[in-house]
Amino acid sequence: MGQNHKNTKYVLSIDGGGIRGLIPAKIPAAIEDQVTKNVKKYVQDEITKNRDAKLPKVDDIDVRIADLFDLVAGTSTGAIIALGLTVTNEKKRPKFTANDIVDIYINNRKRFFQKKFGDKRITDDDIVKKDGTAIKVLAPSFNITTNKRAFFANYESVSEEYIQKGWSYTVKGALMREALRASTSAPAYFRSARLKLNEKPEEEYIDSGVFMNNPSVHAYSDAKFLFKNSEIVVVSLGTGFYKELPRNATTRWLFPIINLMMTEESITSSTYVQKLLDEDHYYRFTIKLEHAIDLDSVADADIKTLENTANEIMNNNRRDNFEKLVKVLSNHYIEKLKN
């Protein structure tokens, strides 16, 4: 079953996984590059057939993830990617390309965010697509002061209301760097984030990876509520997984246990969404890793392995699915150009 692009909303969900976020970061980069290439070819062909065609100049076409998706959700390292892909410049266009985000993981992730994100707030009208509509963005966290799930978003995250009313709340208007701190403070790896938000007393936040490492279920539920009467397509990006404990697990048992908890939660969420949606409405990209890579590794060999793993997903492991997705998103963008 194909998509009715006019009545279809696209959701991008990105798992947590520390430095392994390089894997899902490279997939949006490839999507942006290939969709831009396809759209340029379409425009060039149309102009060749009709010089009076009302289309943008080929050189001006620069398709971003924010032009293709209506809601982007990310946990932990996925929140870094989600917010990085949607933070805007003074023209209310995406400030960074997906390739810029890849560069963070490879070259300067430690010193990037404070300067680049600055005092940007997550607001209702800040993250705007080319057609003037706002893209929704979600970064989950956990408030250990109140023992509640906290969803940093530019909309009222509603799906938890149907699961357990009162156990979660939405944080709106926070600084992006505050959302990043709250969303990426992984237990046992980093200190909790102590934040004073919306004139409330200081509270502590931690990474939501242990209860929602794969935010696709929550993002899908929100999309169903926000975009009523629309078809929903979910693109879910994993950070790779492994089932075996590393050999040093007896000496650093807590770290691999957290890793495995995150992996199992991701698999459970993925399985659930897969049962809800058919293959035309759900795309999952992840892969079994040959060996464990610590969430906080900065080793050159591990970075290279992660780059190769992302390429393996797109070029071999899930090539047909990736090419199908690129075609769907290209057609989606072209339909908007026609209108």
C-alpha atoms as a PDB file:
ATOM      1  CA  MET A   1       0.000   0.000   0.000  1.00  0.00           C
ATOM      2  CA  GLY A   2       1.474   3.343  -1.023  1.00  0.00           C
ATOM      3  CA  GLN A   3       1.237   6.649   0.787  1.00  0.00           C
ATOM      4  CA  ASN A   4      -1.227   9.426   0.090  1.00  0.00           C
ATOM      5  CA  HIS A   5       1.452  12.063   0.645  1.00  0.00           C
ATOM      6  CA  LYS A   6      -1.024  14.897   1.213  1.00  0.00           C
ATOM      7  CA  ASN A   7      -2.562  13.043   4.137  1.00  0.00           C
ATOM      8  CA  THR A   8       0.535  11.367   5.538  1.00  0.00           C
ATOM      9  CA  LYS A   9       2.611  12.526   8.494  1.00  0.00           C
ATOM     10  CA  TYR A  10       6.167  11.306   8.964  1.00  0.00           C
ATOM     11  CA  VAL A  11       7.724  10.534  12.345  1.00  0.00           C
ATOM     12  CA  LEU A  12      11.465  10.102  12.943  1.00  0.00           C
ATOM     13  CA  SER A  13      12.415   8.256  16.136  1.00  0.00           C
ATOM     14  CA  ILE A  14      16.030   7.893  17.290  1.00  0.00           C
ATOM     15  CA  ASP A  15      17.214   5.486  19.995  1.00  0.00           C
ATOM     16  CA  GLY A  16      19.674   6.197  22.762  1.00  0.00           C
ATOM     17  CA  GLY A  17      23.114   4.623  22.820  1.00  0.00           C
ATOM     18  CA  GLY A  18      25.907   7.066  23.652  1.00  0.00           C
ATOM     19  CA  ILE A  19      28.650   7.315  21.052  1.00  0.00           C
ATOM     20  CA  ARG A  20      26.787   4.677  19.047  1.00  0.00           C
ATOM     21  CA  GLY A  21      24.529   7.569  18.052  1.00  0.00           C
ATOM     22  CA  LEU A  22      26.948   7.949  15.160  1.00  0.00           C
ATOM     23  CA  ILE A  23      25.068   5.072  13.487  1.00  0.00           C
ATOM     24  CA  PRO A  24      21.645   6.782  13.373  1.00  0.00           C
ATOM     25  CA  ALA A  25      23.284  10.163  12.709  1.00  0.00           C
ATOM     26  CA  LYS A  26      24.688   8.927   9.404  1.00  0.00           C
ATOM     27  CA  ILE A  27      21.324   7.672   8.153  1.00  0.00           C
ATOM     28  CA  PRO A  28      19.599  11.114   8.126  1.00  0.00           C
ATOM     29  CA  ALA A  29      22.748  12.487   6.476  1.00  0.00           C
ATOM     30  CA  ALA A  30      22.373   9.978   3.649  1.00  0.00           C
ATOM     31  CA  ILE A  31      18.640  10.702   3.423  1.00  0.00           C
ATOM     32  CA  GLU A  32      19.245  14.448   3.072  1.00  0.00           C
ATOM     33  CA  ASP A  33      21.917  13.912   0.417  1.00  0.00           C
ATOM     34  CA  GLN A  34      19.949  11.416  -1.666  1.00  0.00           C
ATOM     35  CA  VAL A  35      16.577  13.169  -1.447  1.00  0.00           C
ATOM     36  CA  THR A  36      18.233  16.467  -2.417  1.00  0.00           C
ATOM     37  CA  LYS A  37      19.833  14.715  -5.394  1.00  0.00           C
ATOM     38  CA  ASN A  38      16.504  13.183  -6.473  1.00  0.00           C
ATOM     39  CA  VAL A  39      14.609  16.456  -6.122  1.00  0.00           C
ATOM     40  CA  LYS A  40      17.247  18.355  -8.095  1.00  0.00           C
ATOM     41  CA  LYS A  41      16.960  15.819 -10.907  1.00  0.00           C
ATOM     42  CA  TYR A  42      13.175  16.148 -10.922  1.00  0.00           C
ATOM     43  CA  VAL A  43      13.321  19.956 -11.039  1.00  0.00           C
ATOM     44  CA  GLN A  44      15.965  19.948 -13.772  1.00  0.00           C
ATOM     45  CA  ASP A  45      13.888  17.553 -15.885  1.00  0.00           C
ATOM     46  CA  GLU A  46      10.743  19.645 -15.393  1.00  0.00           C
ATOM     47  CA  ILE A  47      12.501  22.887 -16.318  1.00  0.00           C
ATOM     48  CA  THR A  48      13.953  21.226 -19.411  1.00  0.00           C
ATOM     49  CA  LYS A  49      10.427  20.283 -20.492  1.00  0.00           C
ATOM     50  CA  ASN A  50       8.911  23.636 -19.515  1.00  0.00           C
ATOM     51  CA  ARG A  51      11.120  26.663 -18.901  1.00  0.00           C
ATOM     52  CA  ASP A  52       8.153  28.495 -17.339  1.00  0.00           C
ATOM     53  CA  ALA A  53       7.626  25.847 -14.676  1.00  0.00           C
ATOM     54  CA  LYS A  54       7.156  27.458 -11.261  1.00  0.00           C
ATOM     55  CA  LEU A  55       9.862  25.567  -9.434  1.00  0.00           C
ATOM     56  CA  PRO A  56      12.860  26.607  -7.322  1.00  0.00           C
ATOM     57  CA  LYS A  57      16.278  26.979  -8.890  1.00  0.00           C
ATOM     58  CA  VAL A  58      18.192  23.720  -8.860  1.00  0.00           C
ATOM     59  CA  ASP A  59      21.091  25.273  -6.932  1.00  0.00           C
ATOM     60  CA  ASP A  60      18.705  26.499  -4.222  1.00  0.00           C
ATOM     61  CA  ILE A  61      17.394  23.030  -3.385  1.00  0.00           C
ATOM     62  CA  ASP A  62      18.711  21.913  -0.009  1.00  0.00           C
ATOM     63  CA  VAL A  63      16.399  19.349   1.569  1.00  0.00           C
ATOM     64  CA  ARG A  64      16.659  18.906   5.324  1.00  0.00           C
ATOM     65  CA  ILE A  65      15.193  16.311   7.652  1.00  0.00           C
ATOM     66  CA  ALA A  66      12.908  19.024   9.047  1.00  0.00           C
ATOM     67  CA  ASP A  67      11.403  19.396   5.558  1.00  0.00           C
ATOM     68  CA  LEU A  68      10.552  15.701   5.400  1.00  0.00           C
ATOM     69  CA  PHE A  69       9.295  14.842   8.887  1.00  0.00           C
ATOM     70  CA  ASP A  70       6.506  16.237  11.039  1.00  0.00           C
ATOM     71  CA  LEU A  71       7.687  14.949  14.406  1.00  0.00           C
ATOM     72  CA  VAL A  72      11.218  14.046  15.506  1.00  0.00           C
ATOM     73  CA  ALA A  73      11.814  12.237  18.807  1.00  0.00           C
ATOM     74  CA  GLY A  74      15.099  11.179  20.344  1.00  0.00           C
ATOM     75  CA  THR A  75      16.266   9.566  23.573  1.00  0.00           C
ATOM     76  CA  SER A  76      19.662  10.408  25.074  1.00  0.00           C
ATOM     77  CA  THR A  77      22.116  10.520  22.166  1.00  0.00           C
ATOM     78  CA  GLY A  78      19.016  10.445  19.966  1.00  0.00           C
ATOM     79  CA  ALA A  79      17.929  13.713  21.600  1.00  0.00           C
ATOM     80  CA  ILE A  80      21.233  15.255  20.520  1.00  0.00           C
ATOM     81  CA  ILE A  81      20.468  14.266  16.936  1.00  0.00           C
ATOM     82  CA  ALA A  82      16.779  15.255  17.118  1.00  0.00           C
ATOM     83  CA  LEU A  83      17.464  18.717  18.525  1.00  0.00           C
ATOM     84  CA  GLY A  84      20.483  19.171  16.270  1.00  0.00           C
ATOM     85  CA  LEU A  85      18.380  18.480  13.192  1.00  0.00           C
ATOM     86  CA  THR A  86      15.635  20.892  14.257  1.00  0.00           C
ATOM     87  CA  VAL A  87      17.365  23.862  15.932  1.00  0.00           C
ATOM     88  CA  THR A  88      16.905  26.884  13.678  1.00  0.00           C
ATOM     89  CA  ASN A  89      18.842  29.880  12.406  1.00  0.00           C
ATOM     90  CA  GLU A  90      17.605  33.475  12.223  1.00  0.00           C
ATOM     91  CA  LYS A  91      15.606  32.612   9.089  1.00  0.00           C
ATOM     92  CA  LYS A  92      13.799  29.819  10.947  1.00  0.00           C
ATOM     93  CA  ARG A  93      15.458  27.205   8.787  1.00  0.00           C
ATOM     94  CA  PRO A  94      17.419  24.245  10.190  1.00  0.00           C
ATOM     95  CA  LYS A  95      20.751  25.537  11.446  1.00  0.00           C
ATOM     96  CA  PHE A  96      22.629  22.294  10.831  1.00  0.00           C
ATOM     97  CA  THR A  97      22.661  19.627   8.166  1.00  0.00           C
ATOM     98  CA  ALA A  98      22.627  15.990   9.207  1.00  0.00           C
ATOM     99  CA  ASN A  99      26.257  15.835   8.063  1.00  0.00           C
ATOM    100  CA  ASP A 100      27.033  18.542  10.632  1.00  0.00           C
ATOM    101  CA  ILE A 101      25.635  16.247  13.316  1.00  0.00           C
ATOM    102  CA  VAL A 102      27.807  13.386  12.067  1.00  0.00           C
ATOM    103  CA  ASP A 103      30.804  15.702  12.396  1.00  0.00           C
ATOM    104  CA  ILE A 104      29.945  16.229  16.070  1.00  0.00           C
ATOM    105  CA  TYR A 105      30.355  12.538  16.807  1.00  0.00           C
ATOM    106  CA  ILE A 106      33.531  12.187  14.791  1.00  0.00           C
ATOM    107  CA  ASN A 107      35.410  15.383  15.564  1.00  0.00           C
ATOM    108  CA  ASN A 108      34.098  17.711  18.232  1.00  0.00           C
ATOM    109  CA  ARG A 109      31.146  16.365  20.196  1.00  0.00           C
ATOM    110  CA  LYS A 110      32.636  17.450  23.549  1.00  0.00           C
ATOM    111  CA  ARG A 111      32.810  21.153  22.749  1.00  0.00           C
ATOM    112  CA  PHE A 112      29.996  21.630  20.281  1.00  0.00           C
ATOM    113  CA  PHE A 113      26.717  22.178  22.081  1.00  0.00           C
ATOM    114  CA  GLN A 114      27.287  25.004  24.542  1.00  0.00           C
ATOM    115  CA  LYS A 115      28.354  27.429  21.830  1.00  0.00           C
ATOM    116  CA  LYS A 116      26.191  26.228  18.972  1.00  0.00           C
ATOM    117  CA  PHE A 117      22.870  25.829  20.773  1.00  0.00           C
ATOM    118  CA  GLY A 118      23.323  28.906  22.943  1.00  0.00           C
ATOM    119  CA  ASP A 119      20.073  30.144  24.463  1.00  0.00           C
ATOM    120  CA  LYS A 120      17.680  28.684  21.910  1.00  0.00           C
ATOM    121  CA  ARG A 121      14.378  27.677  23.452  1.00  0.00           C
ATOM    122  CA  ILE A 122      12.088  24.869  22.372  1.00  0.00           C
ATOM    123  CA  THR A 123       9.004  26.861  21.398  1.00  0.00           C
ATOM    124  CA  ASP A 124       5.820  26.285  19.438  1.00  0.00           C
ATOM    125  CA  ASP A 125       6.742  28.417  16.431  1.00  0.00           C
ATOM    126  CA  ASP A 126      10.511  28.202  16.328  1.00  0.00           C
ATOM    127  CA  ILE A 127      11.010  24.978  14.405  1.00  0.00           C
ATOM    128  CA  VAL A 128       9.414  25.726  11.061  1.00  0.00           C
ATOM    129  CA  LYS A 129       9.394  23.816   7.770  1.00  0.00           C
ATOM    130  CA  LYS A 130       9.539  25.401   4.333  1.00  0.00           C
ATOM    131  CA  ASP A 131       5.764  25.257   4.004  1.00  0.00           C
ATOM    132  CA  GLY A 132       5.428  27.324   7.171  1.00  0.00           C
ATOM    133  CA  THR A 133       4.216  24.556   9.463  1.00  0.00           C
ATOM    134  CA  ALA A 134       5.966  23.785  12.712  1.00  0.00           C
ATOM    135  CA  ILE A 135       7.784  20.495  13.130  1.00  0.00           C
ATOM    136  CA  LYS A 136       7.237  18.790  16.478  1.00  0.00           C
ATOM    137  CA  VAL A 137      10.260  17.707  18.520  1.00  0.00           C
ATOM    138  CA  LEU A 138      10.402  15.502  21.621  1.00  0.00           C
ATOM    139  CA  ALA A 139      13.228  14.631  24.032  1.00  0.00           C
ATOM    140  CA  PRO A 140      12.219  12.386  26.971  1.00  0.00           C
ATOM    141  CA  SER A 141      13.877  12.505  30.379  1.00  0.00           C
ATOM    142  CA  PHE A 142      13.123  11.329  33.916  1.00  0.00           C
ATOM    143  CA  ASN A 143      12.668  13.683  36.868  1.00  0.00           C
ATOM    144  CA  ILE A 144      14.104  11.807  39.857  1.00  0.00           C
ATOM    145  CA  THR A 145      12.981  14.562  42.231  1.00  0.00           C
ATOM    146  CA  THR A 146       9.299  14.010  41.464  1.00  0.00           C
ATOM    147  CA  ASN A 147       9.642  10.428  40.160  1.00  0.00           C
ATOM    148  CA  LYS A 148       7.892  11.377  36.914  1.00  0.00           C
ATOM    149  CA  ARG A 149       8.641  11.103  33.230  1.00  0.00           C
ATOM    150  CA  ALA A 150       9.443  14.515  31.767  1.00  0.00           C
ATOM    151  CA  PHE A 151       8.984  15.183  28.058  1.00  0.00           C
ATOM    152  CA  PHE A 152      10.834  18.198  26.688  1.00  0.00           C
ATOM    153  CA  ALA A 153       8.783  19.220  23.676  1.00  0.00           C
ATOM    154  CA  ASN A 154       7.336  22.107  21.692  1.00  0.00           C
ATOM    155  CA  TYR A 155       3.843  20.618  22.002  1.00  0.00           C
ATOM    156  CA  GLU A 156       1.750  19.038  24.740  1.00  0.00           C
ATOM    157  CA  SER A 157       2.850  15.408  24.787  1.00  0.00           C
ATOM    158  CA  VAL A 158      -0.411  13.604  25.373  1.00  0.00           C
ATOM    159  CA  SER A 159       0.068   9.888  24.903  1.00  0.00           C
ATOM    160  CA  GLU A 160       1.166   9.235  28.483  1.00  0.00           C
ATOM    161  CA  GLU A 161      -2.229  10.507  29.635  1.00  0.00           C
ATOM    162  CA  TYR A 162      -3.676   7.294  28.229  1.00  0.00           C
ATOM    163  CA  ILE A 163      -1.094   5.092  29.925  1.00  0.00           C
ATOM    164  CA  GLN A 164      -0.902   6.453  33.466  1.00  0.00           C
ATOM    165  CA  LYS A 165      -2.330   9.908  34.074  1.00  0.00           C
ATOM    166  CA  GLY A 166      -0.240  11.910  36.488  1.00  0.00           C
ATOM    167  CA  TRP A 167       2.969   9.948  35.971  1.00  0.00           C
ATOM    168  CA  SER A 168       4.346  12.275  33.326  1.00  0.00           C
ATOM    169  CA  TYR A 169       4.328  15.887  32.232  1.00  0.00           C
ATOM    170  CA  THR A 170       5.528  18.063  29.361  1.00  0.00           C
ATOM    171  CA  VAL A 171       8.306  20.638  29.771  1.00  0.00           C
ATOM    172  CA  LYS A 172       7.727  23.474  27.301  1.00  0.00           C
ATOM    173  CA  GLY A 173       9.871  26.538  26.666  1.00  0.00           C
ATOM    174  CA  ALA A 174      13.086  25.046  28.075  1.00  0.00           C
ATOM    175  CA  LEU A 175      16.451  25.992  26.641  1.00  0.00           C
ATOM    176  CA  MET A 176      17.692  23.385  24.193  1.00  0.00           C
ATOM    177  CA  ARG A 177      20.871  22.971  26.212  1.00  0.00           C
ATOM    178  CA  GLU A 178      18.708  22.282  29.290  1.00  0.00           C
ATOM    179  CA  ALA A 179      16.757  19.654  27.392  1.00  0.00           C
ATOM    180  CA  LEU A 180      20.024  18.102  26.220  1.00  0.00           C
ATOM    181  CA  ARG A 181      21.427  17.946  29.746  1.00  0.00           C
ATOM    182  CA  ALA A 182      18.231  16.385  31.080  1.00  0.00           C
ATOM    183  CA  SER A 183      17.968  13.911  28.220  1.00  0.00           C
ATOM    184  CA  THR A 184      21.587  12.762  28.137  1.00  0.00           C
ATOM    185  CA  SER A 185      22.545  12.346  31.813  1.00  0.00           C
ATOM    186  CA  ALA A 186      22.903   8.576  31.636  1.00  0.00           C
ATOM    187  CA  PRO A 187      23.023   6.884  35.073  1.00  0.00           C
ATOM    188  CA  ALA A 188      26.494   5.545  35.985  1.00  0.00           C
ATOM    189  CA  TYR A 189      28.056   7.548  33.148  1.00  0.00           C
ATOM    190  CA  PHE A 190      27.182  11.157  34.007  1.00  0.00           C
ATOM    191  CA  ARG A 191      25.867  13.141  36.948  1.00  0.00           C
ATOM    192  CA  SER A 192      22.184  13.928  37.004  1.00  0.00           C
ATOM    193  CA  ALA A 193      21.210  17.285  35.517  1.00  0.00           C
ATOM    194  CA  ARG A 194      20.175  19.800  38.191  1.00  0.00           C
ATOM    195  CA  LEU A 195      17.838  22.283  36.530  1.00  0.00           C
ATOM    196  CA  LYS A 196      15.565  25.150  37.570  1.00  0.00           C
ATOM    197  CA  LEU A 197      12.849  25.223  34.934  1.00  0.00           C
ATOM    198  CA  ASN A 198       9.843  27.499  34.535  1.00  0.00           C
ATOM    199  CA  GLU A 199      10.454  29.233  37.881  1.00  0.00           C
ATOM    200  CA  LYS A 200      10.245  25.946  39.793  1.00  0.00           C
ATOM    201  CA  PRO A 201      12.751  24.912  42.486  1.00  0.00           C
ATOM    202  CA  GLU A 202      15.808  23.006  41.282  1.00  0.00           C
ATOM    203  CA  GLU A 203      15.055  19.415  40.303  1.00  0.00           C
ATOM    204  CA  GLU A 204      17.205  16.505  39.111  1.00  0.00           C
ATOM    205  CA  TYR A 205      16.830  14.844  35.720  1.00  0.00           C
ATOM    206  CA  ILE A 206      18.397  11.731  34.220  1.00  0.00           C
ATOM    207  CA  ASP A 207      18.542  10.033  30.837  1.00  0.00           C
ATOM    208  CA  SER A 208      15.319   8.187  29.988  1.00  0.00           C
ATOM    209  CA  GLY A 209      17.132   5.324  28.253  1.00  0.00           C
ATOM    210  CA  VAL A 210      16.364   2.682  30.849  1.00  0.00           C
ATOM    211  CA  PHE A 211      12.582   3.107  30.444  1.00  0.00           C
ATOM    212  CA  MET A 212      12.296   4.559  26.923  1.00  0.00           C
ATOM    213  CA  ASN A 213      15.480   3.976  24.973  1.00  0.00           C
ATOM    214  CA  ASN A 214      13.422   3.647  21.798  1.00  0.00           C
ATOM    215  CA  PRO A 215      10.861   6.501  21.777  1.00  0.00           C
ATOM    216  CA  SER A 216       8.961   5.245  18.725  1.00  0.00           C
ATOM    217  CA  VAL A 217       5.894   4.000  20.636  1.00  0.00           C
ATOM    218  CA  HIS A 218       5.466   7.316  22.430  1.00  0.00           C
ATOM    219  CA  ALA A 219       6.174   9.328  19.274  1.00  0.00           C
ATOM    220  CA  TYR A 220       3.664   7.276  17.285  1.00  0.00           C
ATOM    221  CA  SER A 221       1.004   7.718  19.982  1.00  0.00           C
ATOM    222  CA  ASP A 222       1.572  11.476  20.028  1.00  0.00           C
ATOM    223  CA  ALA A 223       1.443  11.628  16.230  1.00  0.00           C
ATOM    224  CA  LYS A 224      -1.878   9.779  16.167  1.00  0.00           C
ATOM    225  CA  PHE A 225      -3.312  12.347  18.574  1.00  0.00           C
ATOM    226  CA  LEU A 226      -1.737  15.424  16.951  1.00  0.00           C
ATOM    227  CA  PHE A 227      -2.419  14.500  13.328  1.00  0.00           C
ATOM    228  CA  LYS A 228      -5.923  13.093  13.432  1.00  0.00           C
ATOM    229  CA  ASN A 229      -7.245  11.471  10.235  1.00  0.00           C
ATOM    230  CA  SER A 230      -3.715  11.218   8.820  1.00  0.00           C
ATOM    231  CA  GLU A 231      -1.705   8.153   7.914  1.00  0.00           C
ATOM    232  CA  ILE A 232       1.404   7.877  10.079  1.00  0.00           C
ATOM    233  CA  VAL A 233       4.760   6.618   8.811  1.00  0.00           C
ATOM    234  CA  VAL A 234       7.378   5.880  11.477  1.00  0.00           C
ATOM    235  CA  VAL A 235      11.090   5.774  10.673  1.00  0.00           C
ATOM    236  CA  SER A 236      12.934   4.316  13.669  1.00  0.00           C
ATOM    237  CA  LEU A 237      16.731   4.449  13.919  1.00  0.00           C
ATOM    238  CA  GLY A 238      18.637   2.193  16.310  1.00  0.00           C
ATOM    239  CA  THR A 239      22.174   2.463  17.636  1.00  0.00           C
ATOM    240  CA  GLY A 240      23.065  -1.193  17.155  1.00  0.00           C
ATOM    241  CA  PHE A 241      22.779  -3.946  19.738  1.00  0.00           C
ATOM    242  CA  TYR A 242      24.629  -6.917  21.166  1.00  0.00           C
ATOM    243  CA  LYS A 243      23.327  -9.717  23.338  1.00  0.00           C
ATOM    244  CA  GLU A 244      26.472 -10.872  25.106  1.00  0.00           C
ATOM    245  CA  LEU A 245      28.042  -9.253  28.139  1.00  0.00           C
ATOM    246  CA  PRO A 246      31.616  -8.078  27.502  1.00  0.00           C
ATOM    247  CA  ARG A 247      34.408 -10.104  29.111  1.00  0.00           C
ATOM    248  CA  ASN A 248      35.120  -7.450  31.741  1.00  0.00           C
ATOM    249  CA  ALA A 249      31.503  -7.496  32.937  1.00  0.00           C
ATOM    250  CA  THR A 250      32.515  -8.859  36.339  1.00  0.00           C
ATOM    251  CA  THR A 251      34.699  -5.816  37.022  1.00  0.00           C
ATOM    252  CA  ARG A 252      32.427  -3.189  35.463  1.00  0.00           C
ATOM    253  CA  TRP A 253      29.114  -5.004  35.731  1.00  0.00           C
ATOM    254  CA  LEU A 254      26.883  -1.917  36.006  1.00  0.00           C
ATOM    255  CA  PHE A 255      27.811  -0.473  32.600  1.00  0.00           C
ATOM    256  CA  PRO A 256      27.028  -3.546  30.476  1.00  0.00           C
ATOM    257  CA  ILE A 257      23.856  -4.182  32.473  1.00  0.00           C
ATOM    258  CA  ILE A 258      22.603  -0.675  31.637  1.00  0.00           C
ATOM    259  CA  ASN A 259      23.561  -1.304  28.022  1.00  0.00           C
ATOM    260  CA  LEU A 260      21.550  -4.516  27.919  1.00  0.00           C
ATOM    261  CA  MET A 261      18.538  -2.902  29.599  1.00  0.00           C
ATOM    262  CA  MET A 262      18.541  -0.206  26.929  1.00  0.00           C
ATOM    263  CA  THR A 263      18.873  -2.803  24.177  1.00  0.00           C
ATOM    264  CA  GLU A 264      15.992  -4.912  25.485  1.00  0.00           C
ATOM    265  CA  GLU A 265      13.725  -1.861  25.824  1.00  0.00           C
ATOM    266  CA  SER A 266      14.532  -0.847  22.240  1.00  0.00           C
ATOM    267  CA  ILE A 267      13.703  -4.318  20.937  1.00  0.00           C
ATOM    268  CA  THR A 268      10.414  -4.419  22.870  1.00  0.00           C
ATOM    269  CA  SER A 269       9.322  -1.017  21.539  1.00  0.00           C
ATOM    270  CA  SER A 270      10.341  -1.920  18.004  1.00  0.00           C
ATOM    271  CA  THR A 271       8.374  -5.168  18.144  1.00  0.00           C
ATOM    272  CA  TYR A 272       5.298  -3.339  19.423  1.00  0.00           C
ATOM    273  CA  VAL A 273       5.310  -0.700  16.663  1.00  0.00           C
ATOM    274  CA  GLN A 274       5.974  -3.388  14.054  1.00  0.00           C
ATOM    275  CA  LYS A 275       2.756  -5.108  15.127  1.00  0.00           C
ATOM    276  CA  LEU A 276       0.822  -1.836  14.788  1.00  0.00           C
ATOM    277  CA  LEU A 277       2.081  -0.781  11.355  1.00  0.00           C
ATOM    278  CA  ASP A 278       2.653  -2.551   8.045  1.00  0.00           C
ATOM    279  CA  GLU A 279       5.908  -2.442   6.077  1.00  0.00           C
ATOM    280  CA  ASP A 280       4.835   0.670   4.165  1.00  0.00           C
ATOM    281  CA  HIS A 281       4.334   2.596   7.386  1.00  0.00           C
ATOM    282  CA  TYR A 282       7.208   1.375   9.558  1.00  0.00           C
ATOM    283  CA  TYR A 283      10.913   1.440   8.752  1.00  0.00           C
ATOM    284  CA  ARG A 284      13.363   0.169  11.347  1.00  0.00           C
ATOM    285  CA  PHE A 285      17.119   0.485  10.838  1.00  0.00           C
ATOM    286  CA  THR A 286      19.488  -1.164  13.300  1.00  0.00           C
ATOM    287  CA  ILE A 287      22.000  -4.015  13.313  1.00  0.00           C
ATOM    288  CA  LYS A 288      23.673  -6.526  15.606  1.00  0.00           C
ATOM    289  CA  LEU A 289      27.155  -5.326  16.521  1.00  0.00           C
ATOM    290  CA  GLU A 290      30.104  -7.681  16.228  1.00  0.00           C
ATOM    291  CA  HIS A 291      31.387  -6.600  19.635  1.00  0.00           C
ATOM    292  CA  ALA A 292      30.391  -4.299  22.481  1.00  0.00           C
ATOM    293  CA  ILE A 293      31.218  -0.597  22.200  1.00  0.00           C
ATOM    294  CA  ASP A 294      30.970   1.380  25.426  1.00  0.00           C
ATOM    295  CA  LEU A 295      28.482   4.242  25.408  1.00  0.00           C
ATOM    296  CA  ASP A 296      31.261   6.691  26.283  1.00  0.00           C
ATOM    297  CA  SER A 297      34.007   5.364  24.000  1.00  0.00           C
ATOM    298  CA  VAL A 298      36.025   7.884  21.991  1.00  0.00           C
ATOM    299  CA  ALA A 299      38.502   5.364  20.549  1.00  0.00           C
ATOM    300  CA  ASP A 300      39.327   5.943  16.888  1.00  0.00           C
ATOM    301  CA  ALA A 301      38.824   2.248  16.128  1.00  0.00           C
ATOM    302  CA  ASP A 302      35.309   2.324  17.611  1.00  0.00           C
ATOM    303  CA  ILE A 303      34.390   5.472  15.671  1.00  0.00           C
ATOM    304  CA  LYS A 304      35.504   3.781  12.449  1.00  0.00           C
ATOM    305  CA  THR A 305      33.536   0.650  13.320  1.00  0.00           C
ATOM    306  CA  LEU A 306      30.397   2.717  13.886  1.00  0.00           C
ATOM    307  CA  GLU A 307      30.800   4.524  10.560  1.00  0.00           C
ATOM    308  CA  ASN A 308      31.240   1.213   8.765  1.00  0.00           C
ATOM    309  CA  THR A 309      28.232  -0.225  10.600  1.00  0.00           C
ATOM    310  CA  ALA A 310      25.974   2.625   9.437  1.00  0.00           C
ATOM    311  CA  ASN A 311      27.159   2.103   5.863  1.00  0.00           C
ATOM    312  CA  GLU A 312      26.513  -1.632   6.210  1.00  0.00           C
ATOM    313  CA  ILE A 313      22.899  -0.951   7.225  1.00  0.00           C
ATOM    314  CA  MET A 314      22.225   1.324   4.252  1.00  0.00           C
ATOM    315  CA  ASN A 315      24.235  -0.484   1.583  1.00  0.00           C
ATOM    316  CA  ASN A 316      23.774  -4.147   2.475  1.00  0.00           C
ATOM    317  CA  ASN A 317      21.858  -5.155   5.589  1.00  0.00           C
ATOM    318  CA  ARG A 318      18.778  -2.969   4.935  1.00  0.00           C
ATOM    319  CA  ARG A 319      19.555  -1.637   1.472  1.00  0.00           C
ATOM    320  CA  ASP A 320      16.183  -2.373  -0.139  1.00  0.00           C
ATOM    321  CA  ASN A 321      14.318  -0.787   2.751  1.00  0.00           C
ATOM    322  CA  PHE A 322      16.578   2.263   2.745  1.00  0.00           C
ATOM    323  CA  GLU A 323      16.197   2.813  -0.995  1.00  0.00           C
ATOM    324  CA  LYS A 324      12.427   2.421  -0.644  1.00  0.00           C
ATOM    325  CA  LEU A 325      12.366   5.031   2.127  1.00  0.00           C
ATOM    326  CA  VAL A 326      14.445   7.497   0.099  1.00  0.00           C
ATOM    327  CA  LYS A 327      12.030   7.107  -2.809  1.00  0.00           C
ATOM    328  CA  VAL A 328       9.002   7.653  -0.556  1.00  0.00           C
ATOM    329  CA  LEU A 329      10.512  10.771   1.041  1.00  0.00           C
ATOM    330  CA  SER A 330      11.633  12.131  -2.342  1.00  0.00           C
ATOM    331  CA  ASN A 331       8.102  11.766  -3.708  1.00  0.00           C
ATOM    332  CA  HIS A 332       6.732  13.339  -0.532  1.00  0.00           C
ATOM    333  CA  TYR A 333       8.913  16.426  -1.032  1.00  0.00           C
ATOM    334  CA  ILE A 334       8.199  16.626  -4.760  1.00  0.00           C
ATOM    335  CA  GLU A 335       4.451  16.541  -4.082  1.00  0.00           C
ATOM    336  CA  LYS A 336       4.887  19.583  -1.848  1.00  0.00           C
ATOM    337  CA  LEU A 337       6.798  21.369  -4.619  1.00  0.00           C
ATOM    338  CA  LYS A 338       3.937  20.755  -7.020  1.00  0.00           C
ATOM    339  CA  ASN A 339       1.529  22.413  -4.629  1.00  0.00           C
END
